[in-house]
């Protein structure tokens, strides 16, 4: 078993013995990703889309915390619920066909603390400014090469 490289930012390793169960290493941190049993996986970890949704949820919570701290607002806790679905692209201008589907993330935020309605509305606006939110809304560029 080849040791996961620490030179790359993220390394995903799928061994010959597994169909979908993938070990992921980021620095000193390790997690498992897998597909659900209904898709032929072992359900040993988060699915790839759950990982993406987790990144959006975590970034949103961190962004809200940072903003509230800067403003000295009494935000004690943040819960960010995110779900992912593929939906028909009814309003899509650049779709390949009328049956194209687009990825849709639905995010619901719970703010716990001594906040007035203006502060709560401002935090809702700030949620859309989290870096992962912006990345997902923009077309990201992915460059792929083979490693020797």
N, C-alpha and C. Protein backbone atom coordinates (compact mmCIF):
# COMPACT_ATOMS: atom_id res chain seq x y z
N UNK A 1 0.85 -1.18 0.00
CA UNK A 1 0.00 0.00 0.00
C UNK A 1 0.88 1.24 0.00
N UNK A 2 0.80 2.02 -1.05
CA UNK A 2 1.62 3.22 -1.18
C UNK A 2 1.18 4.28 -0.17
N UNK A 3 2.14 4.85 0.54
CA UNK A 3 1.85 5.90 1.51
C UNK A 3 1.29 7.12 0.77
N UNK A 4 0.23 7.71 1.34
CA UNK A 4 -0.36 8.90 0.72
C UNK A 4 0.63 10.05 0.79
N UNK A 5 0.79 10.72 -0.33
CA UNK A 5 1.73 11.83 -0.43
C UNK A 5 1.30 13.01 0.43
N UNK A 6 2.26 13.62 1.13
CA UNK A 6 1.96 14.83 1.90
C UNK A 6 2.33 16.08 1.11
N UNK A 7 2.85 15.91 -0.11
CA UNK A 7 3.23 17.05 -0.92
C UNK A 7 2.02 17.70 -1.58
N UNK A 8 0.97 16.94 -1.84
CA UNK A 8 -0.23 17.48 -2.47
C UNK A 8 -1.17 18.02 -1.41
N UNK A 9 -2.02 18.93 -1.80
CA UNK A 9 -2.97 19.50 -0.85
C UNK A 9 -3.97 18.44 -0.40
N UNK A 10 -4.57 17.74 -1.33
CA UNK A 10 -5.53 16.66 -1.04
C UNK A 10 -5.10 15.45 -1.85
N UNK A 11 -5.08 14.28 -1.21
CA UNK A 11 -4.79 13.04 -1.92
C UNK A 11 -5.92 12.06 -1.64
N UNK A 12 -6.52 11.57 -2.71
CA UNK A 12 -7.55 10.53 -2.59
C UNK A 12 -6.96 9.23 -3.11
N UNK A 13 -7.11 8.16 -2.33
CA UNK A 13 -6.56 6.86 -2.72
C UNK A 13 -7.66 5.82 -2.71
N UNK A 14 -7.86 5.20 -3.86
CA UNK A 14 -8.82 4.12 -4.02
C UNK A 14 -8.04 2.86 -4.35
N UNK A 15 -8.02 1.92 -3.42
CA UNK A 15 -7.25 0.70 -3.60
C UNK A 15 -7.96 -0.31 -4.48
N UNK A 16 -7.24 -1.29 -4.93
CA UNK A 16 -7.75 -2.33 -5.81
C UNK A 16 -8.82 -3.18 -5.13
N UNK A 17 -8.76 -3.27 -3.80
CA UNK A 17 -9.68 -4.14 -3.06
C UNK A 17 -11.06 -3.51 -2.84
N UNK A 18 -11.21 -2.23 -3.10
CA UNK A 18 -12.47 -1.53 -2.86
C UNK A 18 -13.08 -1.05 -4.17
N UNK A 19 -14.41 -1.01 -4.19
CA UNK A 19 -15.10 -0.48 -5.36
C UNK A 19 -15.15 1.04 -5.32
N UNK A 20 -15.62 1.61 -4.20
CA UNK A 20 -15.75 3.06 -4.07
C UNK A 20 -15.11 3.63 -2.81
N UNK A 21 -14.85 2.83 -1.80
CA UNK A 21 -14.32 3.33 -0.54
C UNK A 21 -12.95 3.97 -0.78
N UNK A 22 -12.87 5.26 -0.51
CA UNK A 22 -11.69 6.06 -0.84
C UNK A 22 -11.15 6.74 0.41
N UNK A 23 -9.84 6.57 0.65
CA UNK A 23 -9.18 7.27 1.75
C UNK A 23 -8.72 8.63 1.23
N UNK A 24 -8.99 9.65 2.00
CA UNK A 24 -8.60 11.00 1.61
C UNK A 24 -7.71 11.57 2.70
N UNK A 25 -6.60 12.16 2.28
CA UNK A 25 -5.67 12.76 3.23
C UNK A 25 -5.44 14.21 2.85
N UNK A 26 -5.54 15.06 3.85
CA UNK A 26 -5.25 16.49 3.69
C UNK A 26 -4.32 16.87 4.83
N UNK A 27 -3.04 16.98 4.55
CA UNK A 27 -2.08 17.25 5.61
C UNK A 27 -2.07 16.09 6.59
N UNK A 28 -2.30 16.38 7.87
CA UNK A 28 -2.34 15.34 8.90
C UNK A 28 -3.73 14.76 9.13
N UNK A 29 -4.70 15.19 8.33
CA UNK A 29 -6.09 14.77 8.53
C UNK A 29 -6.48 13.72 7.50
N UNK A 30 -7.25 12.73 7.96
CA UNK A 30 -7.71 11.68 7.06
C UNK A 30 -9.21 11.47 7.23
N UNK A 31 -9.90 11.24 6.12
CA UNK A 31 -11.32 10.91 6.12
C UNK A 31 -11.57 9.83 5.09
N UNK A 32 -12.76 9.27 5.14
CA UNK A 32 -13.16 8.24 4.19
C UNK A 32 -14.35 8.77 3.39
N UNK A 33 -14.32 8.53 2.10
CA UNK A 33 -15.46 8.83 1.25
C UNK A 33 -15.93 7.51 0.64
N UNK A 34 -17.22 7.40 0.41
CA UNK A 34 -17.79 6.18 -0.16
C UNK A 34 -19.12 6.52 -0.78
N UNK A 35 -19.66 5.60 -1.50
CA UNK A 35 -21.01 5.75 -2.03
C UNK A 35 -21.96 4.97 -1.13
N UNK A 36 -23.24 5.33 -1.13
CA UNK A 36 -24.19 4.56 -0.32
C UNK A 36 -24.35 3.14 -0.86
N UNK A 37 -24.85 2.26 -0.01
CA UNK A 37 -25.08 0.87 -0.43
C UNK A 37 -26.01 0.79 -1.63
N UNK A 38 -26.99 1.69 -1.70
CA UNK A 38 -27.94 1.69 -2.81
C UNK A 38 -27.27 1.96 -4.16
N UNK A 39 -26.06 2.54 -4.12
CA UNK A 39 -25.31 2.83 -5.34
C UNK A 39 -24.16 1.84 -5.54
N UNK A 40 -24.07 0.82 -4.68
CA UNK A 40 -23.02 -0.18 -4.82
C UNK A 40 -21.82 0.04 -3.91
N UNK A 41 -21.90 1.01 -3.02
CA UNK A 41 -20.80 1.26 -2.09
C UNK A 41 -21.03 0.57 -0.77
N UNK A 42 -20.15 0.86 0.17
CA UNK A 42 -20.24 0.30 1.52
C UNK A 42 -20.79 1.28 2.54
N UNK A 43 -21.02 2.53 2.14
CA UNK A 43 -21.49 3.59 3.04
C UNK A 43 -20.55 3.78 4.23
N UNK A 44 -19.24 3.66 4.00
CA UNK A 44 -18.25 3.84 5.07
C UNK A 44 -17.93 5.31 5.34
N UNK A 45 -18.36 6.21 4.46
CA UNK A 45 -18.05 7.62 4.63
C UNK A 45 -18.98 8.48 3.82
N UNK A 46 -18.69 9.76 3.83
CA UNK A 46 -19.50 10.71 3.08
C UNK A 46 -19.34 10.48 1.59
N UNK A 47 -20.43 10.68 0.84
CA UNK A 47 -20.35 10.61 -0.62
C UNK A 47 -19.61 11.85 -1.12
N UNK A 48 -19.11 11.83 -2.35
CA UNK A 48 -18.44 13.03 -2.87
C UNK A 48 -19.30 14.28 -2.80
N UNK A 49 -20.59 14.18 -3.11
CA UNK A 49 -21.44 15.37 -3.03
C UNK A 49 -21.68 15.80 -1.59
N UNK A 50 -21.70 14.86 -0.65
CA UNK A 50 -21.79 15.23 0.76
C UNK A 50 -20.53 15.97 1.20
N UNK A 51 -19.39 15.59 0.66
CA UNK A 51 -18.15 16.30 0.97
C UNK A 51 -18.21 17.74 0.46
N UNK A 52 -18.71 17.93 -0.76
CA UNK A 52 -18.84 19.28 -1.31
C UNK A 52 -19.82 20.10 -0.47
N UNK A 53 -20.97 19.52 -0.14
CA UNK A 53 -21.97 20.21 0.67
C UNK A 53 -21.40 20.53 2.06
N UNK A 54 -20.57 19.63 2.60
CA UNK A 54 -19.94 19.87 3.90
C UNK A 54 -19.01 21.07 3.83
N UNK A 55 -18.28 21.19 2.75
CA UNK A 55 -17.39 22.34 2.57
C UNK A 55 -18.18 23.65 2.55
N UNK A 56 -19.33 23.64 1.86
CA UNK A 56 -20.17 24.83 1.82
C UNK A 56 -20.72 25.14 3.21
N UNK A 57 -21.19 24.14 3.92
CA UNK A 57 -21.74 24.34 5.26
C UNK A 57 -20.68 24.87 6.22
N UNK A 58 -19.52 24.26 6.23
CA UNK A 58 -18.45 24.67 7.14
C UNK A 58 -17.98 26.09 6.83
N UNK A 59 -17.78 26.38 5.56
CA UNK A 59 -17.30 27.71 5.17
C UNK A 59 -18.33 28.78 5.55
N UNK A 60 -19.60 28.47 5.36
CA UNK A 60 -20.66 29.41 5.72
C UNK A 60 -20.63 29.70 7.21
N UNK A 61 -20.56 28.67 8.02
CA UNK A 61 -20.54 28.85 9.47
C UNK A 61 -19.32 29.67 9.90
N UNK A 62 -18.15 29.36 9.33
CA UNK A 62 -16.93 30.08 9.69
C UNK A 62 -17.00 31.55 9.27
N UNK A 63 -17.55 31.80 8.08
CA UNK A 63 -17.68 33.17 7.58
C UNK A 63 -18.60 33.98 8.48
N UNK A 64 -19.72 33.38 8.89
CA UNK A 64 -20.66 34.08 9.77
C UNK A 64 -20.03 34.36 11.14
N UNK A 65 -19.30 33.39 11.67
CA UNK A 65 -18.63 33.58 12.96
C UNK A 65 -17.63 34.74 12.87
N UNK A 66 -16.81 34.74 11.83
CA UNK A 66 -15.80 35.78 11.66
C UNK A 66 -16.44 37.16 11.55
N UNK A 67 -17.50 37.26 10.76
CA UNK A 67 -18.18 38.54 10.58
C UNK A 67 -18.78 39.03 11.90
N UNK A 68 -19.47 38.12 12.60
CA UNK A 68 -20.10 38.49 13.87
C UNK A 68 -19.05 38.91 14.90
N UNK A 69 -17.92 38.23 14.94
CA UNK A 69 -16.85 38.61 15.87
C UNK A 69 -16.32 40.01 15.56
N UNK A 70 -16.13 40.28 14.26
CA UNK A 70 -15.64 41.60 13.86
C UNK A 70 -16.60 42.71 14.27
N UNK A 71 -17.90 42.41 14.17
CA UNK A 71 -18.93 43.39 14.53
C UNK A 71 -19.24 43.39 16.03
N UNK A 72 -18.63 42.44 16.75
CA UNK A 72 -18.88 42.27 18.19
C UNK A 72 -20.35 41.96 18.48
N UNK A 73 -20.94 41.15 17.60
CA UNK A 73 -22.33 40.71 17.76
C UNK A 73 -22.35 39.43 18.60
N UNK A 74 -23.41 39.21 19.29
CA UNK A 74 -23.54 38.06 20.19
C UNK A 74 -24.07 36.82 19.46
N UNK A 75 -23.31 36.32 18.52
CA UNK A 75 -23.64 35.07 17.81
C UNK A 75 -22.96 33.93 18.57
N UNK A 76 -23.75 33.11 19.27
CA UNK A 76 -23.18 32.03 20.08
C UNK A 76 -22.98 30.76 19.27
N UNK A 77 -23.95 30.42 18.42
CA UNK A 77 -23.87 29.18 17.65
C UNK A 77 -24.44 29.39 16.26
N UNK A 78 -23.96 28.60 15.33
CA UNK A 78 -24.47 28.61 13.96
C UNK A 78 -24.65 27.16 13.52
N UNK A 79 -25.82 26.85 13.00
CA UNK A 79 -26.07 25.58 12.34
C UNK A 79 -26.35 25.87 10.88
N UNK A 80 -25.63 25.19 10.00
CA UNK A 80 -25.86 25.36 8.56
C UNK A 80 -26.25 24.00 8.00
N UNK A 81 -27.48 23.91 7.54
CA UNK A 81 -28.00 22.68 6.95
C UNK A 81 -27.91 22.82 5.43
N UNK A 82 -27.26 21.87 4.77
CA UNK A 82 -27.12 21.93 3.32
C UNK A 82 -27.55 20.61 2.71
N UNK A 83 -28.36 20.68 1.69
CA UNK A 83 -28.71 19.50 0.92
C UNK A 83 -28.35 19.76 -0.54
N UNK A 84 -28.14 18.69 -1.28
CA UNK A 84 -27.76 18.78 -2.69
C UNK A 84 -28.74 17.97 -3.51
N UNK A 85 -29.10 18.50 -4.64
CA UNK A 85 -29.96 17.76 -5.57
C UNK A 85 -29.65 18.18 -6.99
N UNK A 86 -30.05 17.36 -7.91
CA UNK A 86 -29.97 17.70 -9.33
C UNK A 86 -31.39 18.07 -9.74
N UNK A 87 -31.55 19.24 -10.32
CA UNK A 87 -32.89 19.66 -10.73
C UNK A 87 -32.88 20.04 -12.20
N UNK A 88 -34.03 19.96 -12.80
CA UNK A 88 -34.14 20.32 -14.22
C UNK A 88 -33.81 21.80 -14.40
N UNK A 89 -33.05 22.07 -15.42
CA UNK A 89 -32.57 23.42 -15.67
C UNK A 89 -33.57 24.17 -16.53
N UNK A 90 -34.67 24.58 -15.92
CA UNK A 90 -35.72 25.26 -16.68
C UNK A 90 -35.27 26.61 -17.19
N UNK A 91 -34.50 27.33 -16.39
CA UNK A 91 -34.09 28.68 -16.78
C UNK A 91 -32.65 28.74 -17.28
N UNK A 92 -32.07 27.61 -17.57
CA UNK A 92 -30.67 27.57 -17.98
C UNK A 92 -30.51 28.03 -19.42
N UNK A 93 -29.69 29.06 -19.63
CA UNK A 93 -29.50 29.59 -20.97
C UNK A 93 -28.49 28.79 -21.79
N UNK A 94 -27.53 28.17 -21.13
CA UNK A 94 -26.45 27.47 -21.83
C UNK A 94 -26.56 25.96 -21.73
N UNK A 95 -27.75 25.46 -21.53
CA UNK A 95 -27.92 24.02 -21.38
C UNK A 95 -27.78 23.32 -22.72
N UNK A 96 -27.25 22.10 -22.66
CA UNK A 96 -27.07 21.33 -23.88
C UNK A 96 -28.39 20.82 -24.43
N UNK A 97 -29.34 20.56 -23.57
CA UNK A 97 -30.65 20.11 -24.01
C UNK A 97 -31.71 20.54 -23.02
N UNK A 98 -32.95 20.39 -23.40
CA UNK A 98 -34.06 20.81 -22.54
C UNK A 98 -34.16 19.92 -21.30
N UNK A 99 -33.55 18.73 -21.34
CA UNK A 99 -33.62 17.81 -20.21
C UNK A 99 -32.40 17.91 -19.30
N UNK A 100 -31.53 18.91 -19.54
CA UNK A 100 -30.34 19.09 -18.71
C UNK A 100 -30.73 19.35 -17.27
N UNK A 101 -29.87 18.88 -16.37
CA UNK A 101 -30.07 19.12 -14.95
C UNK A 101 -28.91 19.93 -14.41
N UNK A 102 -29.19 20.72 -13.40
CA UNK A 102 -28.14 21.51 -12.76
C UNK A 102 -28.06 21.11 -11.30
N UNK A 103 -26.90 21.34 -10.72
CA UNK A 103 -26.71 21.07 -9.30
C UNK A 103 -27.33 22.20 -8.51
N UNK A 104 -28.04 21.83 -7.45
CA UNK A 104 -28.70 22.81 -6.60
C UNK A 104 -28.38 22.47 -5.14
N UNK A 105 -27.80 23.44 -4.46
CA UNK A 105 -27.53 23.31 -3.03
C UNK A 105 -28.56 24.17 -2.29
N UNK A 106 -29.25 23.57 -1.36
CA UNK A 106 -30.22 24.28 -0.55
C UNK A 106 -29.61 24.43 0.84
N UNK A 107 -29.51 25.68 1.30
CA UNK A 107 -28.85 25.97 2.56
C UNK A 107 -29.84 26.67 3.50
N UNK A 108 -29.95 26.15 4.71
CA UNK A 108 -30.78 26.75 5.74
C UNK A 108 -29.89 27.02 6.94
N UNK A 109 -29.98 28.24 7.46
CA UNK A 109 -29.07 28.68 8.52
C UNK A 109 -29.86 28.96 9.79
N UNK A 110 -29.34 28.41 10.90
CA UNK A 110 -29.89 28.70 12.23
C UNK A 110 -28.87 29.55 12.97
N UNK A 111 -29.30 30.70 13.45
CA UNK A 111 -28.43 31.60 14.20
C UNK A 111 -28.91 31.63 15.65
N UNK A 112 -28.02 31.32 16.58
CA UNK A 112 -28.37 31.31 17.99
C UNK A 112 -27.54 32.37 18.69
N UNK A 113 -28.22 33.29 19.30
CA UNK A 113 -27.54 34.36 20.01
C UNK A 113 -28.46 35.55 20.18
N UNK A 114 -27.95 36.57 20.81
CA UNK A 114 -28.72 37.79 21.06
C UNK A 114 -28.54 38.71 19.86
N UNK A 115 -29.34 38.47 18.82
CA UNK A 115 -29.24 39.22 17.56
C UNK A 115 -30.58 39.85 17.24
N UNK A 116 -30.56 41.11 16.77
CA UNK A 116 -31.82 41.72 16.35
C UNK A 116 -32.10 41.34 14.89
N UNK A 117 -33.25 41.73 14.39
CA UNK A 117 -33.65 41.30 13.04
C UNK A 117 -32.73 41.87 11.97
N UNK A 118 -32.21 43.07 12.14
CA UNK A 118 -31.27 43.64 11.16
C UNK A 118 -29.96 42.84 11.13
N UNK A 119 -29.47 42.45 12.30
CA UNK A 119 -28.24 41.65 12.36
C UNK A 119 -28.45 40.30 11.70
N UNK A 120 -29.59 39.69 11.95
CA UNK A 120 -29.90 38.39 11.37
C UNK A 120 -29.97 38.49 9.83
N UNK A 121 -30.61 39.53 9.34
CA UNK A 121 -30.70 39.71 7.88
C UNK A 121 -29.32 39.98 7.28
N UNK A 122 -28.49 40.74 7.98
CA UNK A 122 -27.13 41.02 7.48
C UNK A 122 -26.32 39.73 7.43
N UNK A 123 -26.44 38.88 8.43
CA UNK A 123 -25.73 37.60 8.42
C UNK A 123 -26.22 36.71 7.28
N UNK A 124 -27.48 36.77 6.97
CA UNK A 124 -28.00 36.02 5.82
C UNK A 124 -27.34 36.50 4.53
N UNK A 125 -27.17 37.80 4.38
CA UNK A 125 -26.46 38.35 3.21
C UNK A 125 -25.00 37.90 3.19
N UNK A 126 -24.36 37.93 4.34
CA UNK A 126 -22.94 37.57 4.44
C UNK A 126 -22.73 36.10 4.08
N UNK A 127 -23.71 35.25 4.35
CA UNK A 127 -23.59 33.82 4.02
C UNK A 127 -23.27 33.63 2.54
N UNK A 128 -23.86 34.47 1.69
CA UNK A 128 -23.62 34.35 0.25
C UNK A 128 -22.23 34.81 -0.16
N UNK A 129 -21.49 35.38 0.76
CA UNK A 129 -20.14 35.86 0.46
C UNK A 129 -19.06 34.89 0.91
N UNK A 130 -19.44 33.74 1.46
CA UNK A 130 -18.40 32.80 1.88
C UNK A 130 -17.65 32.31 0.65
N UNK A 131 -16.34 32.09 0.77
CA UNK A 131 -15.52 31.71 -0.40
C UNK A 131 -15.99 30.45 -1.13
N UNK A 132 -16.43 29.44 -0.40
CA UNK A 132 -16.88 28.22 -1.08
C UNK A 132 -18.17 28.49 -1.85
N UNK A 133 -19.07 29.29 -1.30
CA UNK A 133 -20.29 29.69 -2.01
C UNK A 133 -19.92 30.34 -3.33
N UNK A 134 -18.99 31.28 -3.27
CA UNK A 134 -18.57 31.99 -4.50
C UNK A 134 -17.93 31.04 -5.50
N UNK A 135 -17.13 30.11 -5.03
CA UNK A 135 -16.50 29.14 -5.92
C UNK A 135 -17.55 28.28 -6.62
N UNK A 136 -18.53 27.82 -5.86
CA UNK A 136 -19.56 26.97 -6.45
C UNK A 136 -20.42 27.72 -7.44
N UNK A 137 -20.65 29.01 -7.22
CA UNK A 137 -21.47 29.79 -8.14
C UNK A 137 -20.74 30.15 -9.43
N UNK A 138 -19.43 30.28 -9.34
CA UNK A 138 -18.63 30.61 -10.53
C UNK A 138 -18.16 29.33 -11.20
N UNK A 139 -17.83 29.44 -12.44
CA UNK A 139 -17.28 28.29 -13.16
C UNK A 139 -15.82 28.13 -12.74
N UNK A 140 -15.55 27.05 -12.03
CA UNK A 140 -14.17 26.77 -11.60
C UNK A 140 -13.40 26.14 -12.75
N UNK A 141 -12.12 26.34 -12.77
CA UNK A 141 -11.27 25.73 -13.78
C UNK A 141 -10.52 24.58 -13.11
N UNK A 142 -10.56 23.41 -13.72
CA UNK A 142 -9.87 22.24 -13.18
C UNK A 142 -8.86 21.79 -14.22
N UNK A 143 -7.60 21.79 -13.83
CA UNK A 143 -6.52 21.36 -14.72
C UNK A 143 -6.08 19.97 -14.28
N UNK A 144 -6.09 19.01 -15.17
CA UNK A 144 -5.78 17.63 -14.84
C UNK A 144 -4.55 17.16 -15.62
N UNK A 145 -3.59 16.54 -14.90
CA UNK A 145 -2.41 15.97 -15.54
C UNK A 145 -2.20 14.57 -14.96
N UNK A 146 -1.38 13.78 -15.62
CA UNK A 146 -0.98 12.49 -15.10
C UNK A 146 0.30 12.65 -14.30
N UNK A 147 0.37 12.03 -13.15
CA UNK A 147 1.57 12.09 -12.31
C UNK A 147 2.46 10.89 -12.64
N UNK A 148 3.73 11.15 -12.80
CA UNK A 148 4.67 10.07 -13.08
C UNK A 148 5.15 9.39 -11.84
